[in-house]
């Protein structure tokens, strides 16, 4: 019986050797590839976390600079943030901060350029929508109604319909298109919850155009 078991074991060993001779290299490379992917995934996650931490630190510096009102330094910090970490969440949020300061300091064209970059680069649809709403406001202030309407036409994120409609009403009103402006304000009012104070603002705009809330569906 022992001899039979020895022969069976030898046959198994021989079969294994033959199998490994034929398939060993392929299996080895497959394992190496799998390990490389795993290591690469862990490395990528580490890299992403490291980039996020560094971008966050630079964003904090930008936030302090914007709060201090130093537009020149804010521009340099944001430029550094954008160059080093263009895809980071902190970078697009930093763009919103800088654009606000640029607008406050009378640098409207620079603010438009910054918001345009945010709208194009932000991976978050809500951030894109916010940037385009602000862009529309700047274009309206600069008497560029068509550019404002174009920016608003690209705001399609759920939850921003009311703000986009309200801003569209402002643009149409500036063009003397009263009927269309009323329609836009009515759409904004309808999309806003009754408990929101901003609904009163929209209602005041309707009243000013001769379409008081009672007449607005």
C-alpha atoms as a PDB file:
ATOM      1  CA  UNK A   1       0.000   0.000   0.000  1.00  0.00           C
ATOM      2  CA  UNK A   2       2.861   2.289   0.858  1.00  0.00           C
ATOM      3  CA  UNK A   3       4.440   1.625  -2.553  1.00  0.00           C
ATOM      4  CA  UNK A   4       1.166   2.501  -4.277  1.00  0.00           C
ATOM      5  CA  UNK A   5       0.905   5.788  -2.352  1.00  0.00           C
ATOM      6  CA  UNK A   6       4.507   6.610  -3.224  1.00  0.00           C
ATOM      7  CA  UNK A   7       3.783   6.020  -6.910  1.00  0.00           C
ATOM      8  CA  UNK A   8       0.654   8.188  -6.752  1.00  0.00           C
ATOM      9  CA  UNK A   9       2.560  10.966  -5.017  1.00  0.00           C
ATOM     10  CA  UNK A  10       5.311  10.740  -7.626  1.00  0.00           C
ATOM     11  CA  UNK A  11       2.747  10.943 -10.411  1.00  0.00           C
ATOM     12  CA  UNK A  12       1.200  14.013  -8.800  1.00  0.00           C
ATOM     13  CA  UNK A  13       4.613  15.614  -8.469  1.00  0.00           C
ATOM     14  CA  UNK A  14       5.404  14.841 -12.087  1.00  0.00           C
ATOM     15  CA  UNK A  15       2.043  16.265 -13.175  1.00  0.00           C
ATOM     16  CA  UNK A  16       2.670  19.414 -11.134  1.00  0.00           C
ATOM     17  CA  UNK A  17       6.109  19.829 -12.659  1.00  0.00           C
ATOM     18  CA  UNK A  18       4.687  19.448 -16.150  1.00  0.00           C
ATOM     19  CA  UNK A  19       1.906  21.937 -15.366  1.00  0.00           C
ATOM     20  CA  UNK A  20       4.311  24.476 -13.899  1.00  0.00           C
ATOM     21  CA  UNK A  21       6.716  24.084 -16.781  1.00  0.00           C
ATOM     22  CA  UNK A  22       3.911  24.919 -19.184  1.00  0.00           C
ATOM     23  CA  UNK A  23       2.048  27.558 -17.207  1.00  0.00           C
ATOM     24  CA  UNK A  24       4.459  28.714 -14.502  1.00  0.00           C
ATOM     25  CA  UNK A  25       5.697  31.862 -16.231  1.00  0.00           C
ATOM     26  CA  UNK A  26       2.183  32.960 -17.099  1.00  0.00           C
ATOM     27  CA  UNK A  27       0.960  32.425 -13.546  1.00  0.00           C
ATOM     28  CA  UNK A  28       4.001  34.235 -12.133  1.00  0.00           C
ATOM     29  CA  UNK A  29       3.454  37.260 -14.364  1.00  0.00           C
ATOM     30  CA  UNK A  30      -0.254  37.291 -13.562  1.00  0.00           C
ATOM     31  CA  UNK A  31       0.523  37.349  -9.829  1.00  0.00           C
ATOM     32  CA  UNK A  32       3.124  40.071 -10.317  1.00  0.00           C
ATOM     33  CA  UNK A  33       0.644  42.135 -12.346  1.00  0.00           C
ATOM     34  CA  UNK A  34      -2.016  41.717  -9.667  1.00  0.00           C
ATOM     35  CA  UNK A  35       0.412  42.772  -6.944  1.00  0.00           C
ATOM     36  CA  UNK A  36       1.526  45.734  -9.036  1.00  0.00           C
ATOM     37  CA  UNK A  37      -2.077  46.862  -9.481  1.00  0.00           C
ATOM     38  CA  UNK A  38      -2.709  46.502  -5.752  1.00  0.00           C
ATOM     39  CA  UNK A  39       0.449  48.397  -4.899  1.00  0.00           C
ATOM     40  CA  UNK A  40      -0.375  51.034  -7.488  1.00  0.00           C
ATOM     41  CA  UNK A  41      -3.889  51.459  -6.095  1.00  0.00           C
ATOM     42  CA  UNK A  42      -2.557  51.893  -2.576  1.00  0.00           C
ATOM     43  CA  UNK A  43       0.091  54.265  -3.883  1.00  0.00           C
ATOM     44  CA  UNK A  44      -2.491  56.281  -5.797  1.00  0.00           C
ATOM     45  CA  UNK A  45      -4.730  56.540  -2.733  1.00  0.00           C
ATOM     46  CA  UNK A  46      -1.777  57.684  -0.662  1.00  0.00           C
ATOM     47  CA  UNK A  47      -0.837  60.199  -3.356  1.00  0.00           C
ATOM     48  CA  UNK A  48      -4.401  61.523  -3.492  1.00  0.00           C
ATOM     49  CA  UNK A  49      -4.553  61.900   0.270  1.00  0.00           C
ATOM     50  CA  UNK A  50      -1.178  63.585   0.316  1.00  0.00           C
ATOM     51  CA  UNK A  51      -2.215  65.988  -2.447  1.00  0.00           C
ATOM     52  CA  UNK A  52      -5.478  66.776  -0.664  1.00  0.00           C
ATOM     53  CA  UNK A  53      -3.673  67.581   2.582  1.00  0.00           C
ATOM     54  CA  UNK A  54      -1.169  69.854   0.829  1.00  0.00           C
ATOM     55  CA  UNK A  55      -3.894  71.564  -1.202  1.00  0.00           C
ATOM     56  CA  UNK A  56      -5.930  72.042   1.978  1.00  0.00           C
ATOM     57  CA  UNK A  57      -3.013  73.747   3.696  1.00  0.00           C
ATOM     58  CA  UNK A  58      -2.570  76.104   0.750  1.00  0.00           C
ATOM     59  CA  UNK A  59      -6.317  76.779   0.722  1.00  0.00           C
ATOM     60  CA  UNK A  60      -6.146  77.780   4.393  1.00  0.00           C
ATOM     61  CA  UNK A  61      -3.445  80.284   3.502  1.00  0.00           C
ATOM     62  CA  UNK A  62      -5.601  81.581   0.662  1.00  0.00           C
ATOM     63  CA  UNK A  63      -8.602  81.902   2.975  1.00  0.00           C
ATOM     64  CA  UNK A  64      -6.587  83.983   5.436  1.00  0.00           C
ATOM     65  CA  UNK A  65      -5.264  86.139   2.619  1.00  0.00           C
ATOM     66  CA  UNK A  66      -8.730  86.759   1.182  1.00  0.00           C
ATOM     67  CA  UNK A  67     -10.080  87.574   4.638  1.00  0.00           C
ATOM     68  CA  UNK A  68      -7.297  90.109   4.997  1.00  0.00           C
ATOM     69  CA  UNK A  69      -8.258  91.662   1.669  1.00  0.00           C
ATOM     70  CA  UNK A  70      -4.802  91.336   0.101  1.00  0.00           C
ATOM     71  CA  UNK A  71      -5.823  90.796  -3.516  1.00  0.00           C
ATOM     72  CA  UNK A  72      -2.295  90.695  -4.907  1.00  0.00           C
ATOM     73  CA  UNK A  73      -1.148  87.983  -2.520  1.00  0.00           C
ATOM     74  CA  UNK A  74      -4.452  86.131  -2.932  1.00  0.00           C
ATOM     75  CA  UNK A  75      -3.868  86.038  -6.674  1.00  0.00           C
ATOM     76  CA  UNK A  76      -0.388  84.592  -6.200  1.00  0.00           C
ATOM     77  CA  UNK A  77      -1.535  81.954  -3.718  1.00  0.00           C
ATOM     78  CA  UNK A  78      -4.422  80.916  -5.941  1.00  0.00           C
ATOM     79  CA  UNK A  79      -2.129  80.751  -8.959  1.00  0.00           C
ATOM     80  CA  UNK A  80       0.186  78.479  -6.956  1.00  0.00           C
ATOM     81  CA  UNK A  81      -2.756  76.347  -5.824  1.00  0.00           C
ATOM     82  CA  UNK A  82      -4.078  76.048  -9.354  1.00  0.00           C
ATOM     83  CA  UNK A  83      -0.679  75.157 -10.793  1.00  0.00           C
ATOM     84  CA  UNK A  84       0.168  72.519  -8.191  1.00  0.00           C
ATOM     85  CA  UNK A  85      -3.239  70.961  -7.553  1.00  0.00           C
ATOM     86  CA  UNK A  86      -5.542  71.790 -10.489  1.00  0.00           C
ATOM     87  CA  UNK A  87      -7.860  68.858  -9.829  1.00  0.00           C
ATOM     88  CA  UNK A  88      -8.236  69.283  -6.064  1.00  0.00           C
ATOM     89  CA  UNK A  89     -11.556  70.215  -4.488  1.00  0.00           C
ATOM     90  CA  UNK A  90      -9.770  72.882  -2.456  1.00  0.00           C
ATOM     91  CA  UNK A  91      -8.583  74.555  -5.646  1.00  0.00           C
ATOM     92  CA  UNK A  92     -12.021  75.141  -7.164  1.00  0.00           C
ATOM     93  CA  UNK A  93     -13.344  76.383  -3.823  1.00  0.00           C
ATOM     94  CA  UNK A  94     -10.345  78.662  -3.637  1.00  0.00           C
ATOM     95  CA  UNK A  95     -11.382  80.028  -7.026  1.00  0.00           C
ATOM     96  CA  UNK A  96     -14.752  81.034  -5.610  1.00  0.00           C
ATOM     97  CA  UNK A  97     -13.020  82.843  -2.746  1.00  0.00           C
ATOM     98  CA  UNK A  98     -10.648  84.723  -5.033  1.00  0.00           C
ATOM     99  CA  UNK A  99     -13.410  85.662  -7.477  1.00  0.00           C
ATOM    100  CA  UNK A 100     -15.414  87.195  -4.647  1.00  0.00           C
ATOM    101  CA  UNK A 101     -12.443  89.290  -3.528  1.00  0.00           C
ATOM    102  CA  UNK A 102     -11.681  90.315  -7.104  1.00  0.00           C
ATOM    103  CA  UNK A 103     -15.268  91.468  -7.510  1.00  0.00           C
ATOM    104  CA  UNK A 104     -15.165  93.397  -4.222  1.00  0.00           C
ATOM    105  CA  UNK A 105     -11.952  95.108  -5.297  1.00  0.00           C
ATOM    106  CA  UNK A 106     -13.389  96.169  -8.652  1.00  0.00           C
ATOM    107  CA  UNK A 107     -11.471  93.590 -10.685  1.00  0.00           C
ATOM    108  CA  UNK A 108     -14.544  92.395 -12.582  1.00  0.00           C
ATOM    109  CA  UNK A 109     -12.728  90.988 -15.604  1.00  0.00           C
ATOM    110  CA  UNK A 110     -10.381  88.991 -13.392  1.00  0.00           C
ATOM    111  CA  UNK A 111     -13.355  87.683 -11.415  1.00  0.00           C
ATOM    112  CA  UNK A 112     -15.045  86.588 -14.648  1.00  0.00           C
ATOM    113  CA  UNK A 113     -11.904  84.731 -15.733  1.00  0.00           C
ATOM    114  CA  UNK A 114     -11.583  83.023 -12.345  1.00  0.00           C
ATOM    115  CA  UNK A 115     -15.228  81.957 -12.251  1.00  0.00           C
ATOM    116  CA  UNK A 116     -14.971  80.714 -15.818  1.00  0.00           C
ATOM    117  CA  UNK A 117     -12.057  78.508 -14.783  1.00  0.00           C
ATOM    118  CA  UNK A 118     -14.014  77.162 -11.804  1.00  0.00           C
ATOM    119  CA  UNK A 119     -17.063  76.440 -13.958  1.00  0.00           C
ATOM    120  CA  UNK A 120     -14.931  74.511 -16.440  1.00  0.00           C
ATOM    121  CA  UNK A 121     -12.750  72.614 -13.967  1.00  0.00           C
ATOM    122  CA  UNK A 122     -14.974  71.846 -10.993  1.00  0.00           C
ATOM    123  CA  UNK A 123     -15.868  68.197 -10.683  1.00  0.00           C
ATOM    124  CA  UNK A 124     -18.831  69.025  -8.471  1.00  0.00           C
ATOM    125  CA  UNK A 125     -21.989  69.971 -10.393  1.00  0.00           C
ATOM    126  CA  UNK A 126     -23.178  72.208  -7.544  1.00  0.00           C
ATOM    127  CA  UNK A 127     -19.929  74.183  -7.574  1.00  0.00           C
ATOM    128  CA  UNK A 128     -20.192  74.561 -11.356  1.00  0.00           C
ATOM    129  CA  UNK A 129     -23.754  75.842 -10.998  1.00  0.00           C
ATOM    130  CA  UNK A 130     -22.754  78.317  -8.298  1.00  0.00           C
ATOM    131  CA  UNK A 131     -19.874  79.613 -10.408  1.00  0.00           C
ATOM    132  CA  UNK A 132     -22.159  80.117 -13.417  1.00  0.00           C
ATOM    133  CA  UNK A 133     -24.779  81.903 -11.328  1.00  0.00           C
ATOM    134  CA  UNK A 134     -22.111  84.299 -10.109  1.00  0.00           C
ATOM    135  CA  UNK A 135     -20.777  84.656 -13.641  1.00  0.00           C
ATOM    136  CA  UNK A 136     -24.240  85.621 -14.825  1.00  0.00           C
ATOM    137  CA  UNK A 137     -24.388  88.294 -12.139  1.00  0.00           C
ATOM    138  CA  UNK A 138     -21.051  89.768 -13.216  1.00  0.00           C
ATOM    139  CA  UNK A 139     -22.087  89.773 -16.868  1.00  0.00           C
ATOM    140  CA  UNK A 140     -25.332  91.493 -15.903  1.00  0.00           C
ATOM    141  CA  UNK A 141     -23.430  94.169 -13.968  1.00  0.00           C
ATOM    142  CA  UNK A 142     -21.207  94.690 -17.000  1.00  0.00           C
ATOM    143  CA  UNK A 143     -24.273  95.035 -19.251  1.00  0.00           C
ATOM    144  CA  UNK A 144     -23.590  91.802 -21.105  1.00  0.00           C
ATOM    145  CA  UNK A 145     -27.076  90.238 -20.963  1.00  0.00           C
ATOM    146  CA  UNK A 146     -26.467  87.656 -23.677  1.00  0.00           C
ATOM    147  CA  UNK A 147     -23.382  86.350 -21.895  1.00  0.00           C
ATOM    148  CA  UNK A 148     -25.372  86.237 -18.662  1.00  0.00           C
ATOM    149  CA  UNK A 149     -28.173  84.244 -20.284  1.00  0.00           C
ATOM    150  CA  UNK A 150     -25.655  81.863 -21.835  1.00  0.00           C
ATOM    151  CA  UNK A 151     -24.124  81.169 -18.407  1.00  0.00           C
ATOM    152  CA  UNK A 152     -27.581  80.597 -16.918  1.00  0.00           C
ATOM    153  CA  UNK A 153     -28.545  78.224 -19.721  1.00  0.00           C
ATOM    154  CA  UNK A 154     -25.841  75.869 -18.458  1.00  0.00           C
ATOM    155  CA  UNK A 155     -27.189  75.732 -14.910  1.00  0.00           C
ATOM    156  CA  UNK A 156     -29.162  72.495 -14.865  1.00  0.00           C
ATOM    157  CA  UNK A 157     -28.380  71.050 -11.440  1.00  0.00           C
ATOM    158  CA  UNK A 158     -31.443  70.087  -9.379  1.00  0.00           C
ATOM    159  CA  UNK A 159     -31.895  72.546  -6.528  1.00  0.00           C
ATOM    160  CA  UNK A 160     -30.591  75.544  -8.456  1.00  0.00           C
ATOM    161  CA  UNK A 161     -33.616  76.023 -10.708  1.00  0.00           C
ATOM    162  CA  UNK A 162     -35.116  78.811  -8.591  1.00  0.00           C
ATOM    163  CA  UNK A 163     -31.901  80.823  -8.382  1.00  0.00           C
ATOM    164  CA  UNK A 164     -31.282  80.454 -12.106  1.00  0.00           C
ATOM    165  CA  UNK A 165     -34.846  81.516 -12.935  1.00  0.00           C
ATOM    166  CA  UNK A 166     -34.623  84.519 -10.614  1.00  0.00           C
ATOM    167  CA  UNK A 167     -31.349  85.651 -12.157  1.00  0.00           C
ATOM    168  CA  UNK A 168     -32.792  85.092 -15.633  1.00  0.00           C
ATOM    169  CA  UNK A 169     -35.654  87.398 -14.644  1.00  0.00           C
ATOM    170  CA  UNK A 170     -33.131  90.061 -13.649  1.00  0.00           C
ATOM    171  CA  UNK A 171     -31.393  89.793 -17.022  1.00  0.00           C
ATOM    172  CA  UNK A 172     -34.629  89.900 -19.009  1.00  0.00           C
ATOM    173  CA  UNK A 173     -35.816  92.880 -16.993  1.00  0.00           C
ATOM    174  CA  UNK A 174     -32.566  94.703 -17.826  1.00  0.00           C
ATOM    175  CA  UNK A 175     -33.367  94.108 -21.503  1.00  0.00           C
ATOM    176  CA  UNK A 176     -36.827  95.603 -21.121  1.00  0.00           C
ATOM    177  CA  UNK A 177     -38.489  92.210 -21.679  1.00  0.00           C
ATOM    178  CA  UNK A 178     -41.069  92.609 -18.950  1.00  0.00           C
ATOM    179  CA  UNK A 179     -43.362  89.750 -19.927  1.00  0.00           C
ATOM    180  CA  UNK A 180     -40.509  87.250 -20.114  1.00  0.00           C
ATOM    181  CA  UNK A 181     -39.059  88.570 -16.849  1.00  0.00           C
ATOM    182  CA  UNK A 182     -42.389  88.040 -15.076  1.00  0.00           C
ATOM    183  CA  UNK A 183     -42.516  84.468 -16.363  1.00  0.00           C
ATOM    184  CA  UNK A 184     -39.004  83.827 -15.067  1.00  0.00           C
ATOM    185  CA  UNK A 185     -39.793  85.317 -11.654  1.00  0.00           C
ATOM    186  CA  UNK A 186     -42.959  83.258 -11.445  1.00  0.00           C
ATOM    187  CA  UNK A 187     -40.971  80.124 -12.186  1.00  0.00           C
ATOM    188  CA  UNK A 188     -38.504  81.075  -9.466  1.00  0.00           C
ATOM    189  CA  UNK A 189     -41.277  81.741  -6.959  1.00  0.00           C
ATOM    190  CA  UNK A 190     -42.927  78.424  -7.749  1.00  0.00           C
ATOM    191  CA  UNK A 191     -39.655  76.555  -7.204  1.00  0.00           C
ATOM    192  CA  UNK A 192     -38.949  78.221  -3.853  1.00  0.00           C
ATOM    193  CA  UNK A 193     -40.431  76.801  -0.652  1.00  0.00           C
ATOM    194  CA  UNK A 194     -42.926  79.081   1.054  1.00  0.00           C
ATOM    195  CA  UNK A 195     -40.793  79.094   4.196  1.00  0.00           C
ATOM    196  CA  UNK A 196     -37.787  80.606   2.433  1.00  0.00           C
ATOM    197  CA  UNK A 197     -37.275  84.323   2.971  1.00  0.00           C
ATOM    198  CA  UNK A 198     -35.861  84.665  -0.536  1.00  0.00           C
ATOM    199  CA  UNK A 199     -39.327  83.906  -1.874  1.00  0.00           C
ATOM    200  CA  UNK A 200     -40.386  87.319  -0.522  1.00  0.00           C
ATOM    201  CA  UNK A 201     -37.623  88.942  -2.577  1.00  0.00           C
ATOM    202  CA  UNK A 202     -38.928  87.322  -5.761  1.00  0.00           C
ATOM    203  CA  UNK A 203     -42.463  88.347  -4.882  1.00  0.00           C
ATOM    204  CA  UNK A 204     -41.296  91.950  -4.460  1.00  0.00           C
ATOM    205  CA  UNK A 205     -39.795  91.821  -7.945  1.00  0.00           C
ATOM    206  CA  UNK A 206     -43.081  90.563  -9.342  1.00  0.00           C
ATOM    207  CA  UNK A 207     -44.974  93.334  -7.583  1.00  0.00           C
ATOM    208  CA  UNK A 208     -42.596  95.938  -8.988  1.00  0.00           C
ATOM    209  CA  UNK A 209     -43.390  94.667 -12.493  1.00  0.00           C
ATOM    210  CA  UNK A 210     -47.142  94.887 -11.923  1.00  0.00           C
ATOM    211  CA  UNK A 211     -47.642  91.170 -11.309  1.00  0.00           C
ATOM    212  CA  UNK A 212     -48.151  90.851  -7.521  1.00  0.00           C
ATOM    213  CA  UNK A 213     -47.903  87.421  -5.890  1.00  0.00           C
ATOM    214  CA  UNK A 214     -51.674  86.978  -5.711  1.00  0.00           C
ATOM    215  CA  UNK A 215     -51.746  87.054  -9.480  1.00  0.00           C
ATOM    216  CA  UNK A 216     -48.715  84.817  -9.798  1.00  0.00           C
ATOM    217  CA  UNK A 217     -49.439  81.069  -9.804  1.00  0.00           C
END
